[in-house]
């Protein structure tokens, strides 16, 4: 009587083989990654604020010294420092969110040589870029369609970052375009698709990864209680951001390269930037 050795299935395209049994729950790993991302993001945001305050304080101090004015009171210092402008806020967001994505990637989910080779091969397939354009177009159409139907129902949310983006677009259009179309898609896809979704995809639970990472993506873009949006308005934004995240997860899984969702995300942001600069709305 012969015995047959069970051969494990081949790894999913673009990801490493599943971890062996006993190596820990993938959901627990996802939650650890998410918690670490939140802690690192908070810490880098705090550091960015401190750096801005230090630079602004030195500038104010130099101006007072040059003018020979008396040292200001603590309240006077606070008033003279003011609040970060649009450019400073965008740079602080880039430092904090981009830094968190890079730290989590190199610490927890760095690509292996086999994954990089798979991604490189995918870049040379015309189908990869066809799917990228198709998904990017569907995301744009779907988002605007949801917005149109919601507006007919009297629901008109104001995205959290609309005021900041409008101010930055008026003052620094070239830099904001670079940030929104190139930098933000890269670090957001690195964090939400590569690190968060990728962990559950690697563990053979892609649909759970789609749901959890897309929920996190939506919550980060519209945090409840931080804006004047009501429940219906917040739900609409969550539907748009969550659907966008799910589409990018599917595209990453379909093509096997993170560059595909980065490209689709960049296309979506480029259209949003064009609408913002042309009509003052996204």
C-alpha atoms as a PDB file:
ATOM      1  CA  UNK A   1       0.000   0.000   0.000  1.00  0.00           C
ATOM      2  CA  UNK A   2       1.608   3.237  -1.164  1.00  0.00           C
ATOM      3  CA  UNK A   3       1.291   6.648   0.413  1.00  0.00           C
ATOM      4  CA  UNK A   4       0.940   9.908  -1.419  1.00  0.00           C
ATOM      5  CA  UNK A   5       2.605  13.087  -0.262  1.00  0.00           C
ATOM      6  CA  UNK A   6       0.297  16.063  -0.503  1.00  0.00           C
ATOM      7  CA  UNK A   7       1.848  18.868  -2.524  1.00  0.00           C
ATOM      8  CA  UNK A   8       0.862  22.372  -1.376  1.00  0.00           C
ATOM      9  CA  UNK A   9      -0.859  24.558  -3.969  1.00  0.00           C
ATOM     10  CA  UNK A  10       1.275  27.128  -5.807  1.00  0.00           C
ATOM     11  CA  UNK A  11       1.442  30.597  -4.248  1.00  0.00           C
ATOM     12  CA  UNK A  12      -0.979  33.275  -5.360  1.00  0.00           C
ATOM     13  CA  UNK A  13       0.478  35.507  -8.087  1.00  0.00           C
ATOM     14  CA  UNK A  14       2.369  38.454  -6.705  1.00  0.00           C
ATOM     15  CA  UNK A  15       2.543  37.245  -3.105  1.00  0.00           C
ATOM     16  CA  UNK A  16       4.612  34.858  -1.006  1.00  0.00           C
ATOM     17  CA  UNK A  17       3.419  31.343  -0.105  1.00  0.00           C
ATOM     18  CA  UNK A  18       1.056  31.184   2.893  1.00  0.00           C
ATOM     19  CA  UNK A  19       2.786  31.014   6.278  1.00  0.00           C
ATOM     20  CA  UNK A  20       2.969  27.600   7.927  1.00  0.00           C
ATOM     21  CA  UNK A  21       0.401  26.509  10.474  1.00  0.00           C
ATOM     22  CA  UNK A  22       1.012  27.845  13.941  1.00  0.00           C
ATOM     23  CA  UNK A  23       2.649  31.035  12.705  1.00  0.00           C
ATOM     24  CA  UNK A  24      -0.213  33.145  14.014  1.00  0.00           C
ATOM     25  CA  UNK A  25      -3.630  34.310  12.897  1.00  0.00           C
ATOM     26  CA  UNK A  26      -3.565  36.449   9.728  1.00  0.00           C
ATOM     27  CA  UNK A  27      -6.416  38.547  11.138  1.00  0.00           C
ATOM     28  CA  UNK A  28      -4.355  39.189  14.261  1.00  0.00           C
ATOM     29  CA  UNK A  29      -1.454  40.154  12.003  1.00  0.00           C
ATOM     30  CA  UNK A  30      -3.748  42.512  10.093  1.00  0.00           C
ATOM     31  CA  UNK A  31      -4.936  44.141  13.325  1.00  0.00           C
ATOM     32  CA  UNK A  32      -1.347  44.494  14.542  1.00  0.00           C
ATOM     33  CA  UNK A  33      -0.382  46.159  11.253  1.00  0.00           C
ATOM     34  CA  UNK A  34      -3.385  48.465  11.495  1.00  0.00           C
ATOM     35  CA  UNK A  35      -2.631  49.384  15.103  1.00  0.00           C
ATOM     36  CA  UNK A  36       1.024  50.006  14.325  1.00  0.00           C
ATOM     37  CA  UNK A  37       0.029  52.186  11.362  1.00  0.00           C
ATOM     38  CA  UNK A  38      -2.236  54.280  13.609  1.00  0.00           C
ATOM     39  CA  UNK A  39       0.464  54.666  16.280  1.00  0.00           C
ATOM     40  CA  UNK A  40       3.181  55.541  13.778  1.00  0.00           C
ATOM     41  CA  UNK A  41       0.882  57.960  11.967  1.00  0.00           C
ATOM     42  CA  UNK A  42       0.021  59.689  15.256  1.00  0.00           C
ATOM     43  CA  UNK A  43       3.657  59.856  16.303  1.00  0.00           C
ATOM     44  CA  UNK A  44       4.867  61.232  12.974  1.00  0.00           C
ATOM     45  CA  UNK A  45       2.002  63.761  12.918  1.00  0.00           C
ATOM     46  CA  UNK A  46       3.020  64.942  16.383  1.00  0.00           C
ATOM     47  CA  UNK A  47       6.660  65.140  15.325  1.00  0.00           C
ATOM     48  CA  UNK A  48       5.716  67.082  12.184  1.00  0.00           C
ATOM     49  CA  UNK A  49       3.727  69.550  14.293  1.00  0.00           C
ATOM     50  CA  UNK A  50       6.648  70.002  16.679  1.00  0.00           C
ATOM     51  CA  UNK A  51       9.057  70.562  13.795  1.00  0.00           C
ATOM     52  CA  UNK A  52       6.724  73.132  12.249  1.00  0.00           C
ATOM     53  CA  UNK A  53       6.374  74.911  15.601  1.00  0.00           C
ATOM     54  CA  UNK A  54      10.159  74.954  16.097  1.00  0.00           C
ATOM     55  CA  UNK A  55      10.825  76.382  12.629  1.00  0.00           C
ATOM     56  CA  UNK A  56       8.025  78.925  12.960  1.00  0.00           C
ATOM     57  CA  UNK A  57       9.271  79.887  16.427  1.00  0.00           C
ATOM     58  CA  UNK A  58      12.789  80.520  15.152  1.00  0.00           C
ATOM     59  CA  UNK A  59      11.422  82.690  12.353  1.00  0.00           C
ATOM     60  CA  UNK A  60       9.278  84.714  14.758  1.00  0.00           C
ATOM     61  CA  UNK A  61      12.209  85.044  17.174  1.00  0.00           C
ATOM     62  CA  UNK A  62      14.494  86.284  14.403  1.00  0.00           C
ATOM     63  CA  UNK A  63      11.933  88.894  13.365  1.00  0.00           C
ATOM     64  CA  UNK A  64      11.522  90.123  16.944  1.00  0.00           C
ATOM     65  CA  UNK A  65      15.272  90.319  17.429  1.00  0.00           C
ATOM     66  CA  UNK A  66      15.697  92.290  14.215  1.00  0.00           C
ATOM     67  CA  UNK A  67      12.961  94.736  15.190  1.00  0.00           C
ATOM     68  CA  UNK A  68      14.210  95.143  18.780  1.00  0.00           C
ATOM     69  CA  UNK A  69      10.731  94.441  20.175  1.00  0.00           C
ATOM     70  CA  UNK A  70      10.199  93.240  23.739  1.00  0.00           C
ATOM     71  CA  UNK A  71       9.837  89.479  24.284  1.00  0.00           C
ATOM     72  CA  UNK A  72       6.189  88.473  23.832  1.00  0.00           C
ATOM     73  CA  UNK A  73       4.046  86.836  26.500  1.00  0.00           C
ATOM     74  CA  UNK A  74       3.133  83.136  26.169  1.00  0.00           C
ATOM     75  CA  UNK A  75      -0.232  84.127  24.710  1.00  0.00           C
ATOM     76  CA  UNK A  76       1.512  86.506  22.354  1.00  0.00           C
ATOM     77  CA  UNK A  77       3.857  83.742  21.180  1.00  0.00           C
ATOM     78  CA  UNK A  78       0.891  81.489  20.426  1.00  0.00           C
ATOM     79  CA  UNK A  79      -0.809  84.235  18.436  1.00  0.00           C
ATOM     80  CA  UNK A  80       2.340  85.017  16.466  1.00  0.00           C
ATOM     81  CA  UNK A  81       2.989  81.376  15.636  1.00  0.00           C
ATOM     82  CA  UNK A  82      -0.527  81.027  14.208  1.00  0.00           C
ATOM     83  CA  UNK A  83      -1.665  77.867  12.439  1.00  0.00           C
ATOM     84  CA  UNK A  84       0.068  75.879   9.678  1.00  0.00           C
ATOM     85  CA  UNK A  85      -0.819  77.108   6.206  1.00  0.00           C
ATOM     86  CA  UNK A  86      -2.034  74.942   3.337  1.00  0.00           C
ATOM     87  CA  UNK A  87       1.459  74.024   2.136  1.00  0.00           C
ATOM     88  CA  UNK A  88       2.639  73.161   5.639  1.00  0.00           C
ATOM     89  CA  UNK A  89      -0.413  70.967   6.251  1.00  0.00           C
ATOM     90  CA  UNK A  90       0.102  69.061   2.991  1.00  0.00           C
ATOM     91  CA  UNK A  91       3.794  68.543   3.771  1.00  0.00           C
ATOM     92  CA  UNK A  92       2.938  67.373   7.285  1.00  0.00           C
ATOM     93  CA  UNK A  93       0.401  64.905   5.879  1.00  0.00           C
ATOM     94  CA  UNK A  94       2.973  63.635   3.388  1.00  0.00           C
ATOM     95  CA  UNK A  95       5.571  63.202   6.130  1.00  0.00           C
ATOM     96  CA  UNK A  96       3.211  61.418   8.517  1.00  0.00           C
ATOM     97  CA  UNK A  97       1.204  59.175   6.181  1.00  0.00           C
ATOM     98  CA  UNK A  98       3.997  58.506   3.713  1.00  0.00           C
ATOM     99  CA  UNK A  99       6.394  57.797   6.567  1.00  0.00           C
ATOM    100  CA  UNK A 100       3.950  55.371   8.199  1.00  0.00           C
ATOM    101  CA  UNK A 101       3.478  53.501   4.908  1.00  0.00           C
ATOM    102  CA  UNK A 102       7.229  53.164   4.314  1.00  0.00           C
ATOM    103  CA  UNK A 103       7.970  52.079   7.876  1.00  0.00           C
ATOM    104  CA  UNK A 104       5.239  49.418   7.806  1.00  0.00           C
ATOM    105  CA  UNK A 105       6.336  48.173   4.392  1.00  0.00           C
ATOM    106  CA  UNK A 106      10.023  47.739   5.247  1.00  0.00           C
ATOM    107  CA  UNK A 107       9.292  46.478   8.754  1.00  0.00           C
ATOM    108  CA  UNK A 108       6.356  44.123   8.181  1.00  0.00           C
ATOM    109  CA  UNK A 109       5.692  43.444   4.475  1.00  0.00           C
ATOM    110  CA  UNK A 110       8.848  43.965   2.430  1.00  0.00           C
ATOM    111  CA  UNK A 111       8.647  42.386  -1.030  1.00  0.00           C
ATOM    112  CA  UNK A 112      10.698  39.267  -1.685  1.00  0.00           C
ATOM    113  CA  UNK A 113      12.830  38.841  -4.823  1.00  0.00           C
ATOM    114  CA  UNK A 114      10.154  36.490  -6.226  1.00  0.00           C
ATOM    115  CA  UNK A 115       7.433  39.100  -5.663  1.00  0.00           C
ATOM    116  CA  UNK A 116       9.498  41.802  -7.329  1.00  0.00           C
ATOM    117  CA  UNK A 117      10.109  39.507 -10.311  1.00  0.00           C
ATOM    118  CA  UNK A 118       6.373  38.754 -10.594  1.00  0.00           C
ATOM    119  CA  UNK A 119       5.574  42.467 -10.468  1.00  0.00           C
ATOM    120  CA  UNK A 120       8.236  43.216 -13.084  1.00  0.00           C
ATOM    121  CA  UNK A 121       6.783  40.626 -15.475  1.00  0.00           C
ATOM    122  CA  UNK A 122       3.275  42.039 -14.937  1.00  0.00           C
ATOM    123  CA  UNK A 123       4.458  45.504 -15.946  1.00  0.00           C
ATOM    124  CA  UNK A 124       5.366  44.178 -19.380  1.00  0.00           C
ATOM    125  CA  UNK A 125       1.895  42.755 -20.087  1.00  0.00           C
ATOM    126  CA  UNK A 126      -0.463  45.081 -22.021  1.00  0.00           C
ATOM    127  CA  UNK A 127      -3.390  43.538 -20.126  1.00  0.00           C
ATOM    128  CA  UNK A 128      -2.044  45.016 -16.885  1.00  0.00           C
ATOM    129  CA  UNK A 129      -2.426  48.545 -18.181  1.00  0.00           C
ATOM    130  CA  UNK A 130      -5.733  47.749 -19.845  1.00  0.00           C
ATOM    131  CA  UNK A 131      -7.143  46.592 -16.520  1.00  0.00           C
ATOM    132  CA  UNK A 132      -5.624  49.657 -14.835  1.00  0.00           C
ATOM    133  CA  UNK A 133      -7.383  52.059 -17.192  1.00  0.00           C
ATOM    134  CA  UNK A 134     -10.624  50.086 -17.002  1.00  0.00           C
ATOM    135  CA  UNK A 135     -10.737  49.983 -13.196  1.00  0.00           C
ATOM    136  CA  UNK A 136      -9.666  53.631 -12.947  1.00  0.00           C
ATOM    137  CA  UNK A 137     -12.463  54.656 -15.292  1.00  0.00           C
ATOM    138  CA  UNK A 138     -15.041  52.545 -13.429  1.00  0.00           C
ATOM    139  CA  UNK A 139     -14.006  54.107 -10.104  1.00  0.00           C
ATOM    140  CA  UNK A 140     -14.432  57.605 -11.530  1.00  0.00           C
ATOM    141  CA  UNK A 141     -17.806  56.778 -13.107  1.00  0.00           C
ATOM    142  CA  UNK A 142     -19.013  54.953 -10.008  1.00  0.00           C
ATOM    143  CA  UNK A 143     -17.987  57.724  -7.605  1.00  0.00           C
ATOM    144  CA  UNK A 144     -19.652  60.409  -9.678  1.00  0.00           C
ATOM    145  CA  UNK A 145     -22.716  58.235 -10.181  1.00  0.00           C
ATOM    146  CA  UNK A 146     -23.114  57.751  -6.432  1.00  0.00           C
ATOM    147  CA  UNK A 147     -22.652  61.483  -5.931  1.00  0.00           C
ATOM    148  CA  UNK A 148     -25.265  62.290  -8.564  1.00  0.00           C
ATOM    149  CA  UNK A 149     -27.866  59.935  -7.083  1.00  0.00           C
ATOM    150  CA  UNK A 150     -27.153  61.142  -3.548  1.00  0.00           C
ATOM    151  CA  UNK A 151     -27.551  64.756  -4.618  1.00  0.00           C
ATOM    152  CA  UNK A 152     -30.951  63.931  -6.092  1.00  0.00           C
ATOM    153  CA  UNK A 153     -31.870  62.605  -2.644  1.00  0.00           C
ATOM    154  CA  UNK A 154     -30.663  65.803  -0.973  1.00  0.00           C
ATOM    155  CA  UNK A 155     -27.399  64.332   0.337  1.00  0.00           C
ATOM    156  CA  UNK A 156     -24.396  66.553  -0.388  1.00  0.00           C
ATOM    157  CA  UNK A 157     -21.373  65.762   1.791  1.00  0.00           C
ATOM    158  CA  UNK A 158     -18.296  67.938   2.007  1.00  0.00           C
ATOM    159  CA  UNK A 159     -15.093  65.837   1.930  1.00  0.00           C
ATOM    160  CA  UNK A 160     -12.875  66.392   4.953  1.00  0.00           C
ATOM    161  CA  UNK A 161      -9.916  67.630   2.920  1.00  0.00           C
ATOM    162  CA  UNK A 162     -11.846  69.782   0.431  1.00  0.00           C
ATOM    163  CA  UNK A 163     -11.074  73.124   2.112  1.00  0.00           C
ATOM    164  CA  UNK A 164      -7.378  72.293   2.456  1.00  0.00           C
ATOM    165  CA  UNK A 165      -7.124  71.055  -1.125  1.00  0.00           C
ATOM    166  CA  UNK A 166      -8.931  74.119  -2.465  1.00  0.00           C
ATOM    167  CA  UNK A 167      -6.611  76.467  -0.591  1.00  0.00           C
ATOM    168  CA  UNK A 168      -3.493  74.557  -1.666  1.00  0.00           C
ATOM    169  CA  UNK A 169      -4.687  74.400  -5.278  1.00  0.00           C
ATOM    170  CA  UNK A 170      -5.072  78.183  -5.375  1.00  0.00           C
ATOM    171  CA  UNK A 171      -1.627  78.826  -3.886  1.00  0.00           C
ATOM    172  CA  UNK A 172       0.539  75.888  -4.984  1.00  0.00           C
ATOM    173  CA  UNK A 173      -1.165  74.129  -7.925  1.00  0.00           C
ATOM    174  CA  UNK A 174       1.954  72.397  -9.278  1.00  0.00           C
ATOM    175  CA  UNK A 175       3.035  70.982  -5.929  1.00  0.00           C
ATOM    176  CA  UNK A 176      -0.507  69.924  -5.024  1.00  0.00           C
ATOM    177  CA  UNK A 177      -0.863  68.126  -8.353  1.00  0.00           C
ATOM    178  CA  UNK A 178       2.412  66.287  -7.724  1.00  0.00           C
ATOM    179  CA  UNK A 179       1.237  65.376  -4.224  1.00  0.00           C
ATOM    180  CA  UNK A 180      -2.267  64.242  -5.201  1.00  0.00           C
ATOM    181  CA  UNK A 181      -1.466  62.442  -8.457  1.00  0.00           C
ATOM    182  CA  UNK A 182       1.953  60.913  -7.728  1.00  0.00           C
ATOM    183  CA  UNK A 183       2.847  60.817  -4.040  1.00  0.00           C
ATOM    184  CA  UNK A 184      -0.493  60.155  -2.307  1.00  0.00           C
ATOM    185  CA  UNK A 185      -1.502  57.219  -4.563  1.00  0.00           C
ATOM    186  CA  UNK A 186       1.917  55.614  -4.052  1.00  0.00           C
ATOM    187  CA  UNK A 187       1.998  55.692  -0.255  1.00  0.00           C
ATOM    188  CA  UNK A 188      -1.724  54.941   0.173  1.00  0.00           C
ATOM    189  CA  UNK A 189      -1.513  51.863  -2.048  1.00  0.00           C
ATOM    190  CA  UNK A 190       1.664  50.791  -0.286  1.00  0.00           C
ATOM    191  CA  UNK A 191      -0.097  50.920   3.085  1.00  0.00           C
ATOM    192  CA  UNK A 192      -3.649  49.802   2.343  1.00  0.00           C
ATOM    193  CA  UNK A 193      -3.138  47.365  -0.520  1.00  0.00           C
ATOM    194  CA  UNK A 194       0.406  46.008  -0.060  1.00  0.00           C
ATOM    195  CA  UNK A 195       0.619  45.931   3.743  1.00  0.00           C
ATOM    196  CA  UNK A 196      -2.975  45.517   4.948  1.00  0.00           C
ATOM    197  CA  UNK A 197      -4.778  43.737   2.110  1.00  0.00           C
ATOM    198  CA  UNK A 198      -1.628  41.852   1.115  1.00  0.00           C
ATOM    199  CA  UNK A 199      -1.310  40.139   4.478  1.00  0.00           C
ATOM    200  CA  UNK A 200      -4.742  38.510   4.229  1.00  0.00           C
ATOM    201  CA  UNK A 201      -4.353  37.802   0.519  1.00  0.00           C
ATOM    202  CA  UNK A 202      -1.101  36.004   1.271  1.00  0.00           C
ATOM    203  CA  UNK A 203      -2.898  33.964   3.939  1.00  0.00           C
ATOM    204  CA  UNK A 204      -5.529  32.800   1.443  1.00  0.00           C
ATOM    205  CA  UNK A 205      -8.265  35.152   2.689  1.00  0.00           C
ATOM    206  CA  UNK A 206      -8.458  37.759  -0.089  1.00  0.00           C
ATOM    207  CA  UNK A 207     -12.142  38.610   0.361  1.00  0.00           C
ATOM    208  CA  UNK A 208     -11.655  39.259   4.048  1.00  0.00           C
ATOM    209  CA  UNK A 209      -8.678  41.399   3.115  1.00  0.00           C
ATOM    210  CA  UNK A 210     -10.818  43.362   0.656  1.00  0.00           C
ATOM    211  CA  UNK A 211     -13.477  44.057   3.284  1.00  0.00           C
ATOM    212  CA  UNK A 212     -11.174  44.982   6.174  1.00  0.00           C
ATOM    213  CA  UNK A 213      -8.620  47.032   4.224  1.00  0.00           C
ATOM    214  CA  UNK A 214     -11.353  48.901   2.314  1.00  0.00           C
ATOM    215  CA  UNK A 215     -13.130  49.685   5.588  1.00  0.00           C
ATOM    216  CA  UNK A 216      -9.874  51.054   7.002  1.00  0.00           C
ATOM    217  CA  UNK A 217      -9.335  53.057   3.796  1.00  0.00           C
ATOM    218  CA  UNK A 218     -12.799  54.608   4.096  1.00  0.00           C
ATOM    219  CA  UNK A 219     -12.453  55.420   7.803  1.00  0.00           C
ATOM    220  CA  UNK A 220      -9.092  57.126   7.326  1.00  0.00           C
ATOM    221  CA  UNK A 221     -10.514  59.393   4.624  1.00  0.00           C
ATOM    222  CA  UNK A 222     -13.680  60.296   6.564  1.00  0.00           C
ATOM    223  CA  UNK A 223     -13.366  59.995  10.341  1.00  0.00           C
ATOM    224  CA  UNK A 224     -16.787  60.164  12.051  1.00  0.00           C
ATOM    225  CA  UNK A 225     -17.338  63.186  14.244  1.00  0.00           C
ATOM    226  CA  UNK A 226     -14.514  65.267  12.805  1.00  0.00           C
ATOM    227  CA  UNK A 227     -16.611  67.136  10.222  1.00  0.00           C
ATOM    228  CA  UNK A 228     -20.037  68.710   9.885  1.00  0.00           C
ATOM    229  CA  UNK A 229     -21.229  65.818   7.701  1.00  0.00           C
ATOM    230  CA  UNK A 230     -24.250  63.960   9.048  1.00  0.00           C
ATOM    231  CA  UNK A 231     -24.796  60.215   9.077  1.00  0.00           C
ATOM    232  CA  UNK A 232     -26.141  60.039   5.521  1.00  0.00           C
ATOM    233  CA  UNK A 233     -23.332  62.224   4.152  1.00  0.00           C
ATOM    234  CA  UNK A 234     -20.684  60.216   5.988  1.00  0.00           C
ATOM    235  CA  UNK A 235     -22.207  56.955   4.731  1.00  0.00           C
ATOM    236  CA  UNK A 236     -22.035  58.211   1.157  1.00  0.00           C
ATOM    237  CA  UNK A 237     -18.349  59.079   1.494  1.00  0.00           C
ATOM    238  CA  UNK A 238     -17.648  55.697   3.098  1.00  0.00           C
ATOM    239  CA  UNK A 239     -19.409  53.981   0.202  1.00  0.00           C
ATOM    240  CA  UNK A 240     -17.286  55.869  -2.315  1.00  0.00           C
ATOM    241  CA  UNK A 241     -13.970  55.368  -0.519  1.00  0.00           C
ATOM    242  CA  UNK A 242     -14.767  51.761   0.403  1.00  0.00           C
ATOM    243  CA  UNK A 243     -15.758  50.922  -3.159  1.00  0.00           C
ATOM    244  CA  UNK A 244     -12.602  52.572  -4.417  1.00  0.00           C
ATOM    245  CA  UNK A 245     -10.481  50.536  -2.009  1.00  0.00           C
ATOM    246  CA  UNK A 246     -12.204  47.280  -3.004  1.00  0.00           C
ATOM    247  CA  UNK A 247     -11.659  48.010  -6.700  1.00  0.00           C
ATOM    248  CA  UNK A 248      -7.964  48.660  -6.133  1.00  0.00           C
ATOM    249  CA  UNK A 249      -7.641  45.440  -4.106  1.00  0.00           C
ATOM    250  CA  UNK A 250      -9.201  43.480  -6.969  1.00  0.00           C
ATOM    251  CA  UNK A 251      -6.892  45.159  -9.485  1.00  0.00           C
ATOM    252  CA  UNK A 252      -3.826  44.340  -7.382  1.00  0.00           C
ATOM    253  CA  UNK A 253      -4.906  40.714  -7.142  1.00  0.00           C
ATOM    254  CA  UNK A 254      -5.836  40.508 -10.832  1.00  0.00           C
ATOM    255  CA  UNK A 255      -2.570  41.935 -12.187  1.00  0.00           C
ATOM    256  CA  UNK A 256      -0.081  40.825  -9.519  1.00  0.00           C
ATOM    257  CA  UNK A 257       1.637  44.213  -9.346  1.00  0.00           C
ATOM    258  CA  UNK A 258       1.071  47.116  -6.976  1.00  0.00           C
ATOM    259  CA  UNK A 259       1.842  49.524  -9.801  1.00  0.00           C
ATOM    260  CA  UNK A 260      -1.580  48.787 -11.307  1.00  0.00           C
ATOM    261  CA  UNK A 261      -3.662  50.141  -8.361  1.00  0.00           C
ATOM    262  CA  UNK A 262      -1.189  53.004  -7.996  1.00  0.00           C
ATOM    263  CA  UNK A 263      -1.869  53.912 -11.630  1.00  0.00           C
ATOM    264  CA  UNK A 264      -5.661  53.620 -11.268  1.00  0.00           C
ATOM    265  CA  UNK A 265      -5.546  55.647  -8.042  1.00  0.00           C
ATOM    266  CA  UNK A 266      -3.433  58.306  -9.763  1.00  0.00           C
ATOM    267  CA  UNK A 267      -5.938  58.492 -12.630  1.00  0.00           C
ATOM    268  CA  UNK A 268      -8.819  58.984 -10.200  1.00  0.00           C
ATOM    269  CA  UNK A 269      -6.934  61.706  -8.319  1.00  0.00           C
ATOM    270  CA  UNK A 270      -5.938  63.432 -11.556  1.00  0.00           C
ATOM    271  CA  UNK A 271      -9.582  63.722 -12.592  1.00  0.00           C
ATOM    272  CA  UNK A 272     -10.528  64.940  -9.102  1.00  0.00           C
ATOM    273  CA  UNK A 273      -7.761  67.569  -9.242  1.00  0.00           C
ATOM    274  CA  UNK A 274      -8.930  68.742 -12.660  1.00  0.00           C
ATOM    275  CA  UNK A 275     -12.494  69.116 -11.359  1.00  0.00           C
ATOM    276  CA  UNK A 276     -11.236  70.936  -8.266  1.00  0.00           C
ATOM    277  CA  UNK A 277      -9.229  73.448 -10.266  1.00  0.00           C
ATOM    278  CA  UNK A 278     -11.949  73.922 -12.872  1.00  0.00           C
ATOM    279  CA  UNK A 279     -15.086  73.933 -10.740  1.00  0.00           C
ATOM    280  CA  UNK A 280     -13.903  74.181  -7.130  1.00  0.00           C
ATOM    281  CA  UNK A 281     -15.327  70.754  -6.222  1.00  0.00           C
ATOM    282  CA  UNK A 282     -14.313  67.092  -6.356  1.00  0.00           C
END
